[in-house]
């Protein structure tokens, strides 16, 4: 198992380097940072533009391979460059990841747990009311865009707040900047602002994972090893959890680990609608703002997160399925 994981890790590191390099090169040749100077009155001299762009290593007059070499050297030393506003990309990235982490961690984990549990339950209750209800509910959620679900939850929270006569659930921003009080007051306010975006992410994540888990569970329920376990006198619950569910978890864990990595830049609608200024929102802003260093930084972090998720997925699969323990 050790040699298998080492080979996989080396493979992932090479792939991350290639993906990050290609993303930087694509951003460097396709984005146009000179648009920041257009329409200014008085016009900015070209020499001034070149001096500013060269300071940020985004001057299109510099050969792209030279810019890439300079960026790669900075990356090795832990410097992700500077954005066009003069700030450091690394500091902005850390702040955005902290914001997204608060928003996404709970929702993603809850979505995974609910999706796996609901899918397994629906498979065990195949062609019963619980199965039909959960399956149709999952299809309904998947058929609705994320922003529709978020807006519906906001409308429902507004109606609820109006019904009780005061703000029971908050859904705009990360916290109330005018709030007075101590640690627990601010903690409660943060949790209050987390309720609706967390529910949004949980519903979207659980719906897709539930259908995968249901299908995988149905495939293994009729397997020979499950029937053999039952024939040997093993209790039904034990046979389902120890044999059927363990095998059926393999594809679901693969989906969950990868979604956990990509959701940092995949929750754009949720972050924008609920006013959370995280990685997803910043990724769109960097593209719109022709920020080569910002786009490359987001891509690099996402690639590293996918590497970590892939490695964790290999470990989980190796633990669940002894057949992959080779070498």
C-alpha atoms as a PDB file:
ATOM      1  CA  UNK A   1       0.000   0.000   0.000  1.00  0.00           C
ATOM      2  CA  UNK A   2       2.893   2.365   0.791  1.00  0.00           C
ATOM      3  CA  UNK A   3       4.501   2.064  -2.658  1.00  0.00           C
ATOM      4  CA  UNK A   4       1.119   2.504  -4.292  1.00  0.00           C
ATOM      5  CA  UNK A   5       0.482   5.765  -2.434  1.00  0.00           C
ATOM      6  CA  UNK A   6       3.990   7.091  -3.131  1.00  0.00           C
ATOM      7  CA  UNK A   7       3.571   6.472  -6.870  1.00  0.00           C
ATOM      8  CA  UNK A   8       0.200   8.196  -6.846  1.00  0.00           C
ATOM      9  CA  UNK A   9       1.577  11.191  -4.923  1.00  0.00           C
ATOM     10  CA  UNK A  10       4.464  11.686  -7.367  1.00  0.00           C
ATOM     11  CA  UNK A  11       2.025  11.474 -10.270  1.00  0.00           C
ATOM     12  CA  UNK A  12      -0.245  14.088  -8.681  1.00  0.00           C
ATOM     13  CA  UNK A  13       2.624  16.490  -8.001  1.00  0.00           C
ATOM     14  CA  UNK A  14       3.673  16.359 -11.663  1.00  0.00           C
ATOM     15  CA  UNK A  15       0.085  16.909 -12.803  1.00  0.00           C
ATOM     16  CA  UNK A  16      -0.352  19.885 -10.461  1.00  0.00           C
ATOM     17  CA  UNK A  17       2.816  21.497 -11.817  1.00  0.00           C
ATOM     18  CA  UNK A  18       1.653  21.035 -15.405  1.00  0.00           C
ATOM     19  CA  UNK A  19      -1.883  22.280 -14.694  1.00  0.00           C
ATOM     20  CA  UNK A  20      -0.667  25.348 -12.798  1.00  0.00           C
ATOM     21  CA  UNK A  21       1.899  26.233 -15.444  1.00  0.00           C
ATOM     22  CA  UNK A  22      -0.617  25.929 -18.273  1.00  0.00           C
ATOM     23  CA  UNK A  23      -3.124  28.043 -16.342  1.00  0.00           C
ATOM     24  CA  UNK A  24      -0.567  30.806 -15.824  1.00  0.00           C
ATOM     25  CA  UNK A  25       0.515  30.757 -19.464  1.00  0.00           C
ATOM     26  CA  UNK A  26      -3.090  30.837 -20.646  1.00  0.00           C
ATOM     27  CA  UNK A  27      -3.906  33.762 -18.353  1.00  0.00           C
ATOM     28  CA  UNK A  28      -0.734  35.601 -19.371  1.00  0.00           C
ATOM     29  CA  UNK A  29      -1.475  35.437 -23.106  1.00  0.00           C
ATOM     30  CA  UNK A  30      -5.262  35.937 -22.947  1.00  0.00           C
ATOM     31  CA  UNK A  31      -5.780  38.612 -20.284  1.00  0.00           C
ATOM     32  CA  UNK A  32      -5.093  42.266 -21.077  1.00  0.00           C
ATOM     33  CA  UNK A  33      -3.974  44.251 -17.990  1.00  0.00           C
ATOM     34  CA  UNK A  34      -3.586  47.412 -20.109  1.00  0.00           C
ATOM     35  CA  UNK A  35      -7.362  47.791 -20.006  1.00  0.00           C
ATOM     36  CA  UNK A  36      -6.886  49.327 -16.552  1.00  0.00           C
ATOM     37  CA  UNK A  37      -5.365  52.393 -18.222  1.00  0.00           C
ATOM     38  CA  UNK A  38      -8.010  52.827 -20.920  1.00  0.00           C
ATOM     39  CA  UNK A  39     -10.409  55.748 -20.698  1.00  0.00           C
ATOM     40  CA  UNK A  40      -8.347  57.717 -18.181  1.00  0.00           C
ATOM     41  CA  UNK A  41      -8.148  61.458 -18.519  1.00  0.00           C
ATOM     42  CA  UNK A  42      -5.439  62.568 -18.913  1.00  0.00           C
ATOM     43  CA  UNK A  43      -4.169  59.447 -20.717  1.00  0.00           C
ATOM     44  CA  UNK A  44      -1.448  57.472 -18.988  1.00  0.00           C
ATOM     45  CA  UNK A  45       1.797  57.534 -21.001  1.00  0.00           C
ATOM     46  CA  UNK A  46       2.847  54.207 -22.484  1.00  0.00           C
ATOM     47  CA  UNK A  47       6.186  54.374 -20.674  1.00  0.00           C
ATOM     48  CA  UNK A  48       4.354  54.709 -17.363  1.00  0.00           C
ATOM     49  CA  UNK A  49       2.101  51.788 -18.261  1.00  0.00           C
ATOM     50  CA  UNK A  50       5.120  49.635 -19.090  1.00  0.00           C
ATOM     51  CA  UNK A  51       6.856  50.569 -15.841  1.00  0.00           C
ATOM     52  CA  UNK A  52       3.803  49.689 -13.705  1.00  0.00           C
ATOM     53  CA  UNK A  53       3.045  46.469 -15.565  1.00  0.00           C
ATOM     54  CA  UNK A  54       6.677  45.361 -15.425  1.00  0.00           C
ATOM     55  CA  UNK A  55       6.707  45.936 -11.665  1.00  0.00           C
ATOM     56  CA  UNK A  56       3.786  43.503 -11.382  1.00  0.00           C
ATOM     57  CA  UNK A  57       5.339  41.080 -13.928  1.00  0.00           C
ATOM     58  CA  UNK A  58       2.317  41.392 -16.233  1.00  0.00           C
ATOM     59  CA  UNK A  59       3.755  43.487 -19.054  1.00  0.00           C
ATOM     60  CA  UNK A  60       2.591  42.027 -22.356  1.00  0.00           C
ATOM     61  CA  UNK A  61       5.705  43.419 -24.057  1.00  0.00           C
ATOM     62  CA  UNK A  62       7.866  41.081 -21.989  1.00  0.00           C
ATOM     63  CA  UNK A  63       8.129  37.599 -23.541  1.00  0.00           C
ATOM     64  CA  UNK A  64       5.638  35.298 -21.889  1.00  0.00           C
ATOM     65  CA  UNK A  65       8.280  32.682 -21.076  1.00  0.00           C
ATOM     66  CA  UNK A  66      10.334  35.326 -19.258  1.00  0.00           C
ATOM     67  CA  UNK A  67       7.272  36.321 -17.241  1.00  0.00           C
ATOM     68  CA  UNK A  68       6.574  32.659 -16.522  1.00  0.00           C
ATOM     69  CA  UNK A  69      10.147  32.086 -15.328  1.00  0.00           C
ATOM     70  CA  UNK A  70       9.949  35.102 -13.016  1.00  0.00           C
ATOM     71  CA  UNK A  71       6.568  33.964 -11.672  1.00  0.00           C
ATOM     72  CA  UNK A  72       7.820  30.419 -11.147  1.00  0.00           C
ATOM     73  CA  UNK A  73      10.867  31.683  -9.252  1.00  0.00           C
ATOM     74  CA  UNK A  74       8.634  33.783  -6.983  1.00  0.00           C
ATOM     75  CA  UNK A  75       6.290  30.817  -6.501  1.00  0.00           C
ATOM     76  CA  UNK A  76       9.154  28.598  -5.329  1.00  0.00           C
ATOM     77  CA  UNK A  77       9.997  31.249  -2.714  1.00  0.00           C
ATOM     78  CA  UNK A  78       6.379  31.475  -1.545  1.00  0.00           C
ATOM     79  CA  UNK A  79       5.552  34.727  -3.346  1.00  0.00           C
ATOM     80  CA  UNK A  80       2.397  34.677  -5.474  1.00  0.00           C
ATOM     81  CA  UNK A  81       2.988  38.161  -6.876  1.00  0.00           C
ATOM     82  CA  UNK A  82       1.035  41.388  -6.523  1.00  0.00           C
ATOM     83  CA  UNK A  83      -2.381  42.344  -7.793  1.00  0.00           C
ATOM     84  CA  UNK A  84      -3.073  45.469  -9.783  1.00  0.00           C
ATOM     85  CA  UNK A  85      -4.190  47.404  -6.706  1.00  0.00           C
ATOM     86  CA  UNK A  86      -0.708  47.093  -5.243  1.00  0.00           C
ATOM     87  CA  UNK A  87      -1.537  44.457  -2.646  1.00  0.00           C
ATOM     88  CA  UNK A  88       0.041  41.054  -2.326  1.00  0.00           C
ATOM     89  CA  UNK A  89      -1.870  38.158  -3.851  1.00  0.00           C
ATOM     90  CA  UNK A  90      -0.839  35.785  -1.062  1.00  0.00           C
ATOM     91  CA  UNK A  91      -2.408  37.948   1.665  1.00  0.00           C
ATOM     92  CA  UNK A  92      -5.621  38.378  -0.317  1.00  0.00           C
ATOM     93  CA  UNK A  93      -5.703  34.665  -1.049  1.00  0.00           C
ATOM     94  CA  UNK A  94      -5.318  33.736   2.622  1.00  0.00           C
ATOM     95  CA  UNK A  95      -8.145  36.058   3.637  1.00  0.00           C
ATOM     96  CA  UNK A  96     -10.448  34.754   0.921  1.00  0.00           C
ATOM     97  CA  UNK A  97      -9.709  31.130   1.761  1.00  0.00           C
ATOM     98  CA  UNK A  98     -10.513  31.790   5.425  1.00  0.00           C
ATOM     99  CA  UNK A  99     -13.860  33.297   4.418  1.00  0.00           C
ATOM    100  CA  UNK A 100     -14.688  30.420   2.070  1.00  0.00           C
ATOM    101  CA  UNK A 101     -13.511  27.882   4.612  1.00  0.00           C
ATOM    102  CA  UNK A 102     -15.947  29.169   7.215  1.00  0.00           C
ATOM    103  CA  UNK A 103     -18.784  29.034   4.728  1.00  0.00           C
ATOM    104  CA  UNK A 104     -18.005  25.785   2.955  1.00  0.00           C
ATOM    105  CA  UNK A 105     -16.593  23.443   5.571  1.00  0.00           C
ATOM    106  CA  UNK A 106     -19.780  22.813   7.518  1.00  0.00           C
ATOM    107  CA  UNK A 107     -22.052  22.774   4.467  1.00  0.00           C
ATOM    108  CA  UNK A 108     -19.841  20.354   2.539  1.00  0.00           C
ATOM    109  CA  UNK A 109     -19.420  17.922   5.418  1.00  0.00           C
ATOM    110  CA  UNK A 110     -23.125  17.985   6.254  1.00  0.00           C
ATOM    111  CA  UNK A 111     -23.983  17.538   2.578  1.00  0.00           C
ATOM    112  CA  UNK A 112     -21.718  14.499   2.373  1.00  0.00           C
ATOM    113  CA  UNK A 113     -23.121  12.882   5.499  1.00  0.00           C
ATOM    114  CA  UNK A 114     -26.735  13.567   4.555  1.00  0.00           C
ATOM    115  CA  UNK A 115     -26.208  12.438   0.952  1.00  0.00           C
ATOM    116  CA  UNK A 116     -24.541   9.148   1.900  1.00  0.00           C
ATOM    117  CA  UNK A 117     -27.075   8.406   4.610  1.00  0.00           C
ATOM    118  CA  UNK A 118     -30.085   9.272   2.460  1.00  0.00           C
ATOM    119  CA  UNK A 119     -28.760   7.302  -0.509  1.00  0.00           C
ATOM    120  CA  UNK A 120     -28.111   4.191   1.551  1.00  0.00           C
ATOM    121  CA  UNK A 121     -31.524   4.485   3.218  1.00  0.00           C
ATOM    122  CA  UNK A 122     -33.285   4.901  -0.129  1.00  0.00           C
ATOM    123  CA  UNK A 123     -31.528   1.823  -1.545  1.00  0.00           C
ATOM    124  CA  UNK A 124     -32.485  -0.325   1.438  1.00  0.00           C
ATOM    125  CA  UNK A 125     -36.086   0.933   1.077  1.00  0.00           C
ATOM    126  CA  UNK A 126     -36.062   0.332  -2.685  1.00  0.00           C
ATOM    127  CA  UNK A 127     -39.426   1.001  -4.412  1.00  0.00           C
ATOM    128  CA  UNK A 128     -41.014   2.143  -1.177  1.00  0.00           C
ATOM    129  CA  UNK A 129     -42.358   5.545  -0.209  1.00  0.00           C
ATOM    130  CA  UNK A 130     -39.046   6.615   1.365  1.00  0.00           C
ATOM    131  CA  UNK A 131     -37.137   5.680  -1.794  1.00  0.00           C
ATOM    132  CA  UNK A 132     -39.498   7.536  -4.120  1.00  0.00           C
ATOM    133  CA  UNK A 133     -39.631  10.591  -1.863  1.00  0.00           C
ATOM    134  CA  UNK A 134     -35.875  10.933  -1.454  1.00  0.00           C
ATOM    135  CA  UNK A 135     -35.166  10.275  -5.136  1.00  0.00           C
ATOM    136  CA  UNK A 136     -37.738  12.761  -6.407  1.00  0.00           C
ATOM    137  CA  UNK A 137     -36.571  15.328  -3.869  1.00  0.00           C
ATOM    138  CA  UNK A 138     -32.973  14.930  -5.037  1.00  0.00           C
ATOM    139  CA  UNK A 139     -33.968  15.295  -8.687  1.00  0.00           C
ATOM    140  CA  UNK A 140     -35.967  18.425  -7.836  1.00  0.00           C
ATOM    141  CA  UNK A 141     -33.009  20.035  -6.061  1.00  0.00           C
ATOM    142  CA  UNK A 142     -30.628  19.166  -8.893  1.00  0.00           C
ATOM    143  CA  UNK A 143     -33.032  20.602 -11.459  1.00  0.00           C
ATOM    144  CA  UNK A 144     -32.999  23.961  -9.667  1.00  0.00           C
ATOM    145  CA  UNK A 145     -29.967  26.217 -10.181  1.00  0.00           C
ATOM    146  CA  UNK A 146     -28.077  27.039  -7.011  1.00  0.00           C
ATOM    147  CA  UNK A 147     -29.034  30.691  -7.123  1.00  0.00           C
ATOM    148  CA  UNK A 148     -32.731  29.761  -7.287  1.00  0.00           C
ATOM    149  CA  UNK A 149     -32.415  27.652  -4.132  1.00  0.00           C
ATOM    150  CA  UNK A 150     -30.519  30.457  -2.394  1.00  0.00           C
ATOM    151  CA  UNK A 151     -33.099  33.083  -3.345  1.00  0.00           C
ATOM    152  CA  UNK A 152     -35.986  30.832  -2.266  1.00  0.00           C
ATOM    153  CA  UNK A 153     -34.338  30.379   1.117  1.00  0.00           C
ATOM    154  CA  UNK A 154     -33.895  34.139   1.415  1.00  0.00           C
ATOM    155  CA  UNK A 155     -37.566  34.686   0.594  1.00  0.00           C
ATOM    156  CA  UNK A 156     -38.561  32.095   3.172  1.00  0.00           C
ATOM    157  CA  UNK A 157     -36.317  33.693   5.816  1.00  0.00           C
ATOM    158  CA  UNK A 158     -37.801  37.112   5.056  1.00  0.00           C
ATOM    159  CA  UNK A 159     -41.327  35.782   5.483  1.00  0.00           C
ATOM    160  CA  UNK A 160     -40.340  34.108   8.734  1.00  0.00           C
ATOM    161  CA  UNK A 161     -38.722  37.281  10.058  1.00  0.00           C
ATOM    162  CA  UNK A 162     -41.847  39.264   9.182  1.00  0.00           C
ATOM    163  CA  UNK A 163     -44.071  36.678  10.862  1.00  0.00           C
ATOM    164  CA  UNK A 164     -42.199  36.775  14.186  1.00  0.00           C
ATOM    165  CA  UNK A 165     -41.771  40.552  14.073  1.00  0.00           C
ATOM    166  CA  UNK A 166     -37.975  40.666  14.314  1.00  0.00           C
ATOM    167  CA  UNK A 167     -34.889  39.381  12.504  1.00  0.00           C
ATOM    168  CA  UNK A 168     -34.700  35.714  13.371  1.00  0.00           C
ATOM    169  CA  UNK A 169     -32.406  34.622  10.518  1.00  0.00           C
ATOM    170  CA  UNK A 170     -29.794  36.825   8.818  1.00  0.00           C
ATOM    171  CA  UNK A 171     -28.729  36.154   5.258  1.00  0.00           C
ATOM    172  CA  UNK A 172     -26.597  39.068   4.063  1.00  0.00           C
ATOM    173  CA  UNK A 173     -22.884  39.238   4.708  1.00  0.00           C
ATOM    174  CA  UNK A 174     -20.662  37.370   7.116  1.00  0.00           C
ATOM    175  CA  UNK A 175     -21.663  39.277  10.240  1.00  0.00           C
ATOM    176  CA  UNK A 176     -23.401  42.381  11.530  1.00  0.00           C
ATOM    177  CA  UNK A 177     -20.742  45.144  11.656  1.00  0.00           C
ATOM    178  CA  UNK A 178     -22.858  47.217  14.074  1.00  0.00           C
ATOM    179  CA  UNK A 179     -23.229  44.418  16.614  1.00  0.00           C
ATOM    180  CA  UNK A 180     -22.154  45.234  20.160  1.00  0.00           C
ATOM    181  CA  UNK A 181     -21.180  42.603  22.689  1.00  0.00           C
ATOM    182  CA  UNK A 182     -18.554  40.058  23.602  1.00  0.00           C
ATOM    183  CA  UNK A 183     -17.190  36.880  22.073  1.00  0.00           C
ATOM    184  CA  UNK A 184     -20.351  34.822  22.367  1.00  0.00           C
ATOM    185  CA  UNK A 185     -22.502  37.569  20.859  1.00  0.00           C
ATOM    186  CA  UNK A 186     -20.261  37.756  17.795  1.00  0.00           C
ATOM    187  CA  UNK A 187     -20.046  33.959  17.601  1.00  0.00           C
ATOM    188  CA  UNK A 188     -23.834  33.682  17.626  1.00  0.00           C
ATOM    189  CA  UNK A 189     -24.051  36.370  14.952  1.00  0.00           C
ATOM    190  CA  UNK A 190     -21.588  34.477  12.748  1.00  0.00           C
ATOM    191  CA  UNK A 191     -23.537  31.263  13.154  1.00  0.00           C
ATOM    192  CA  UNK A 192     -26.758  33.116  12.347  1.00  0.00           C
ATOM    193  CA  UNK A 193     -25.297  34.375   9.060  1.00  0.00           C
ATOM    194  CA  UNK A 194     -24.085  30.849   8.270  1.00  0.00           C
ATOM    195  CA  UNK A 195     -27.500  29.164   8.446  1.00  0.00           C
ATOM    196  CA  UNK A 196     -28.913  29.837   4.977  1.00  0.00           C
ATOM    197  CA  UNK A 197     -25.717  29.523   2.878  1.00  0.00           C
ATOM    198  CA  UNK A 198     -24.880  26.317   4.756  1.00  0.00           C
ATOM    199  CA  UNK A 199     -28.338  24.902   4.003  1.00  0.00           C
ATOM    200  CA  UNK A 200     -27.913  25.865   0.341  1.00  0.00           C
ATOM    201  CA  UNK A 201     -24.581  24.079   0.015  1.00  0.00           C
ATOM    202  CA  UNK A 202     -25.818  21.092   1.997  1.00  0.00           C
ATOM    203  CA  UNK A 203     -28.890  20.604  -0.186  1.00  0.00           C
ATOM    204  CA  UNK A 204     -26.977  20.895  -3.454  1.00  0.00           C
ATOM    205  CA  UNK A 205     -24.179  18.596  -2.308  1.00  0.00           C
ATOM    206  CA  UNK A 206     -26.445  16.028  -0.667  1.00  0.00           C
ATOM    207  CA  UNK A 207     -28.786  15.733  -3.664  1.00  0.00           C
ATOM    208  CA  UNK A 208     -26.124  14.626  -6.127  1.00  0.00           C
ATOM    209  CA  UNK A 209     -24.279  12.422  -3.661  1.00  0.00           C
ATOM    210  CA  UNK A 210     -27.528  10.774  -2.577  1.00  0.00           C
ATOM    211  CA  UNK A 211     -28.270   9.545  -6.104  1.00  0.00           C
ATOM    212  CA  UNK A 212     -24.733   8.166  -6.537  1.00  0.00           C
ATOM    213  CA  UNK A 213     -24.851   6.440  -3.171  1.00  0.00           C
ATOM    214  CA  UNK A 214     -28.280   4.952  -3.891  1.00  0.00           C
ATOM    215  CA  UNK A 215     -27.139   3.547  -7.241  1.00  0.00           C
ATOM    216  CA  UNK A 216     -23.924   2.128  -5.760  1.00  0.00           C
ATOM    217  CA  UNK A 217     -25.809   0.587  -2.853  1.00  0.00           C
ATOM    218  CA  UNK A 218     -28.353  -1.050  -5.155  1.00  0.00           C
ATOM    219  CA  UNK A 219     -25.507  -2.606  -7.158  1.00  0.00           C
ATOM    220  CA  UNK A 220     -24.024  -4.337  -4.130  1.00  0.00           C
ATOM    221  CA  UNK A 221     -27.201  -5.350  -2.281  1.00  0.00           C
ATOM    222  CA  UNK A 222     -27.651  -8.329  -4.576  1.00  0.00           C
ATOM    223  CA  UNK A 223     -23.980  -9.309  -4.622  1.00  0.00           C
ATOM    224  CA  UNK A 224     -22.885 -12.820  -3.780  1.00  0.00           C
ATOM    225  CA  UNK A 225     -20.799 -11.774  -0.782  1.00  0.00           C
ATOM    226  CA  UNK A 226     -23.761  -9.996   0.804  1.00  0.00           C
ATOM    227  CA  UNK A 227     -26.008 -13.026   0.317  1.00  0.00           C
ATOM    228  CA  UNK A 228     -23.247 -15.290   1.643  1.00  0.00           C
ATOM    229  CA  UNK A 229     -22.873 -13.134   4.741  1.00  0.00           C
ATOM    230  CA  UNK A 230     -26.611 -13.359   5.366  1.00  0.00           C
ATOM    231  CA  UNK A 231     -26.589 -17.131   4.739  1.00  0.00           C
ATOM    232  CA  UNK A 232     -23.879 -17.553   7.380  1.00  0.00           C
ATOM    233  CA  UNK A 233     -26.226 -16.061   9.939  1.00  0.00           C
ATOM    234  CA  UNK A 234     -24.965 -12.475   9.969  1.00  0.00           C
ATOM    235  CA  UNK A 235     -27.611  -9.995  11.039  1.00  0.00           C
ATOM    236  CA  UNK A 236     -29.134  -7.929   8.234  1.00  0.00           C
ATOM    237  CA  UNK A 237     -27.974  -4.618   9.681  1.00  0.00           C
ATOM    238  CA  UNK A 238     -24.426  -5.893  10.136  1.00  0.00           C
ATOM    239  CA  UNK A 239     -24.318  -7.331   6.619  1.00  0.00           C
ATOM    240  CA  UNK A 240     -25.549  -4.055   5.160  1.00  0.00           C
ATOM    241  CA  UNK A 241     -23.159  -1.804   7.063  1.00  0.00           C
ATOM    242  CA  UNK A 242     -20.046  -4.005   7.152  1.00  0.00           C
ATOM    243  CA  UNK A 243     -20.205  -5.474   3.654  1.00  0.00           C
ATOM    244  CA  UNK A 244     -22.659  -3.640   1.383  1.00  0.00           C
ATOM    245  CA  UNK A 245     -22.207  -0.055   2.573  1.00  0.00           C
ATOM    246  CA  UNK A 246     -18.429  -0.335   2.823  1.00  0.00           C
ATOM    247  CA  UNK A 247     -18.123  -1.335  -0.823  1.00  0.00           C
ATOM    248  CA  UNK A 248     -20.781   1.121  -1.997  1.00  0.00           C
ATOM    249  CA  UNK A 249     -18.951   3.998  -0.296  1.00  0.00           C
ATOM    250  CA  UNK A 250     -16.016   3.844  -2.731  1.00  0.00           C
ATOM    251  CA  UNK A 251     -17.556   5.850  -5.623  1.00  0.00           C
ATOM    252  CA  UNK A 252     -19.286   8.244  -3.224  1.00  0.00           C
ATOM    253  CA  UNK A 253     -16.044   8.981  -1.390  1.00  0.00           C
ATOM    254  CA  UNK A 254     -14.363   9.714  -4.697  1.00  0.00           C
ATOM    255  CA  UNK A 255     -17.037  12.255  -5.576  1.00  0.00           C
ATOM    256  CA  UNK A 256     -17.057  13.772  -2.095  1.00  0.00           C
ATOM    257  CA  UNK A 257     -13.304  14.282  -1.830  1.00  0.00           C
ATOM    258  CA  UNK A 258     -13.072  15.986  -5.212  1.00  0.00           C
ATOM    259  CA  UNK A 259     -16.115  18.182  -4.583  1.00  0.00           C
ATOM    260  CA  UNK A 260     -14.602  19.186  -1.243  1.00  0.00           C
ATOM    261  CA  UNK A 261     -11.519  20.489  -3.070  1.00  0.00           C
ATOM    262  CA  UNK A 262     -13.213  22.260  -5.951  1.00  0.00           C
ATOM    263  CA  UNK A 263     -15.987  23.831  -3.889  1.00  0.00           C
ATOM    264  CA  UNK A 264     -13.596  26.603  -2.781  1.00  0.00           C
ATOM    265  CA  UNK A 265     -14.040  28.129  -6.228  1.00  0.00           C
ATOM    266  CA  UNK A 266     -17.311  26.399  -7.091  1.00  0.00           C
ATOM    267  CA  UNK A 267     -19.633  28.233  -4.698  1.00  0.00           C
ATOM    268  CA  UNK A 268     -19.668  31.455  -6.702  1.00  0.00           C
ATOM    269  CA  UNK A 269     -23.445  31.943  -6.695  1.00  0.00           C
ATOM    270  CA  UNK A 270     -23.748  31.149  -3.000  1.00  0.00           C
ATOM    271  CA  UNK A 271     -20.997  33.594  -2.061  1.00  0.00           C
ATOM    272  CA  UNK A 272     -22.339  36.393  -4.251  1.00  0.00           C
ATOM    273  CA  UNK A 273     -25.994  36.016  -3.226  1.00  0.00           C
ATOM    274  CA  UNK A 274     -25.267  35.820   0.493  1.00  0.00           C
ATOM    275  CA  UNK A 275     -22.517  38.458   0.438  1.00  0.00           C
ATOM    276  CA  UNK A 276     -19.577  36.238   1.402  1.00  0.00           C
ATOM    277  CA  UNK A 277     -16.393  37.591  -0.195  1.00  0.00           C
ATOM    278  CA  UNK A 278     -14.562  34.310  -0.651  1.00  0.00           C
ATOM    279  CA  UNK A 279     -12.512  32.446  -3.233  1.00  0.00           C
ATOM    280  CA  UNK A 280     -15.302  31.882  -5.725  1.00  0.00           C
ATOM    281  CA  UNK A 281     -16.195  35.558  -5.930  1.00  0.00           C
ATOM    282  CA  UNK A 282     -12.523  36.535  -6.111  1.00  0.00           C
ATOM    283  CA  UNK A 283     -11.859  34.119  -8.966  1.00  0.00           C
ATOM    284  CA  UNK A 284     -14.497  35.854 -11.080  1.00  0.00           C
ATOM    285  CA  UNK A 285     -13.156  39.267 -10.098  1.00  0.00           C
ATOM    286  CA  UNK A 286      -9.594  38.356 -11.084  1.00  0.00           C
ATOM    287  CA  UNK A 287     -10.725  37.261 -14.538  1.00  0.00           C
ATOM    288  CA  UNK A 288     -12.867  40.356 -15.015  1.00  0.00           C
ATOM    289  CA  UNK A 289     -10.029  42.549 -13.773  1.00  0.00           C
ATOM    290  CA  UNK A 290      -7.395  40.958 -16.049  1.00  0.00           C
ATOM    291  CA  UNK A 291      -5.387  40.011 -12.968  1.00  0.00           C
ATOM    292  CA  UNK A 292      -2.931  37.407 -14.245  1.00  0.00           C
ATOM    293  CA  UNK A 293      -1.287  36.802 -10.879  1.00  0.00           C
ATOM    294  CA  UNK A 294      -4.647  36.432  -9.137  1.00  0.00           C
ATOM    295  CA  UNK A 295      -5.950  33.923 -11.684  1.00  0.00           C
ATOM    296  CA  UNK A 296      -2.730  31.922 -11.465  1.00  0.00           C
ATOM    297  CA  UNK A 297      -2.862  31.935  -7.653  1.00  0.00           C
ATOM    298  CA  UNK A 298      -6.446  30.692  -7.512  1.00  0.00           C
ATOM    299  CA  UNK A 299      -5.657  28.007 -10.078  1.00  0.00           C
ATOM    300  CA  UNK A 300      -2.533  26.915  -8.186  1.00  0.00           C
ATOM    301  CA  UNK A 301      -4.376  26.637  -4.869  1.00  0.00           C
ATOM    302  CA  UNK A 302      -7.238  24.748  -6.491  1.00  0.00           C
ATOM    303  CA  UNK A 303      -4.773  22.347  -8.117  1.00  0.00           C
ATOM    304  CA  UNK A 304      -3.059  21.725  -4.767  1.00  0.00           C
ATOM    305  CA  UNK A 305      -6.419  21.123  -3.084  1.00  0.00           C
ATOM    306  CA  UNK A 306      -7.310  18.631  -5.802  1.00  0.00           C
ATOM    307  CA  UNK A 307      -3.941  16.930  -5.253  1.00  0.00           C
ATOM    308  CA  UNK A 308      -4.678  16.615  -1.537  1.00  0.00           C
ATOM    309  CA  UNK A 309      -8.210  15.391  -2.236  1.00  0.00           C
ATOM    310  CA  UNK A 310      -6.934  12.846  -4.746  1.00  0.00           C
ATOM    311  CA  UNK A 311      -4.361  11.535  -2.296  1.00  0.00           C
ATOM    312  CA  UNK A 312      -6.955  11.275   0.482  1.00  0.00           C
ATOM    313  CA  UNK A 313      -9.278   9.515  -1.919  1.00  0.00           C
ATOM    314  CA  UNK A 314      -6.550   6.974  -2.721  1.00  0.00           C
ATOM    315  CA  UNK A 315      -6.047   6.327   0.994  1.00  0.00           C
ATOM    316  CA  UNK A 316      -9.789   5.924   1.606  1.00  0.00           C
ATOM    317  CA  UNK A 317     -10.199   3.578  -1.356  1.00  0.00           C
ATOM    318  CA  UNK A 318      -7.191   1.526  -0.239  1.00  0.00           C
ATOM    319  CA  UNK A 319      -8.751   1.174   3.215  1.00  0.00           C
ATOM    320  CA  UNK A 320     -12.169   0.270   1.841  1.00  0.00           C
ATOM    321  CA  UNK A 321     -11.045  -1.972  -1.015  1.00  0.00           C
ATOM    322  CA  UNK A 322      -8.101  -4.351  -0.316  1.00  0.00           C
ATOM    323  CA  UNK A 323      -7.763  -5.055  -4.054  1.00  0.00           C
ATOM    324  CA  UNK A 324      -5.914  -1.763  -4.613  1.00  0.00           C
ATOM    325  CA  UNK A 325      -3.270  -2.503  -1.986  1.00  0.00           C
ATOM    326  CA  UNK A 326      -0.534  -3.444  -4.428  1.00  0.00           C
ATOM    327  CA  UNK A 327       3.223  -3.132  -4.342  1.00  0.00           C
END
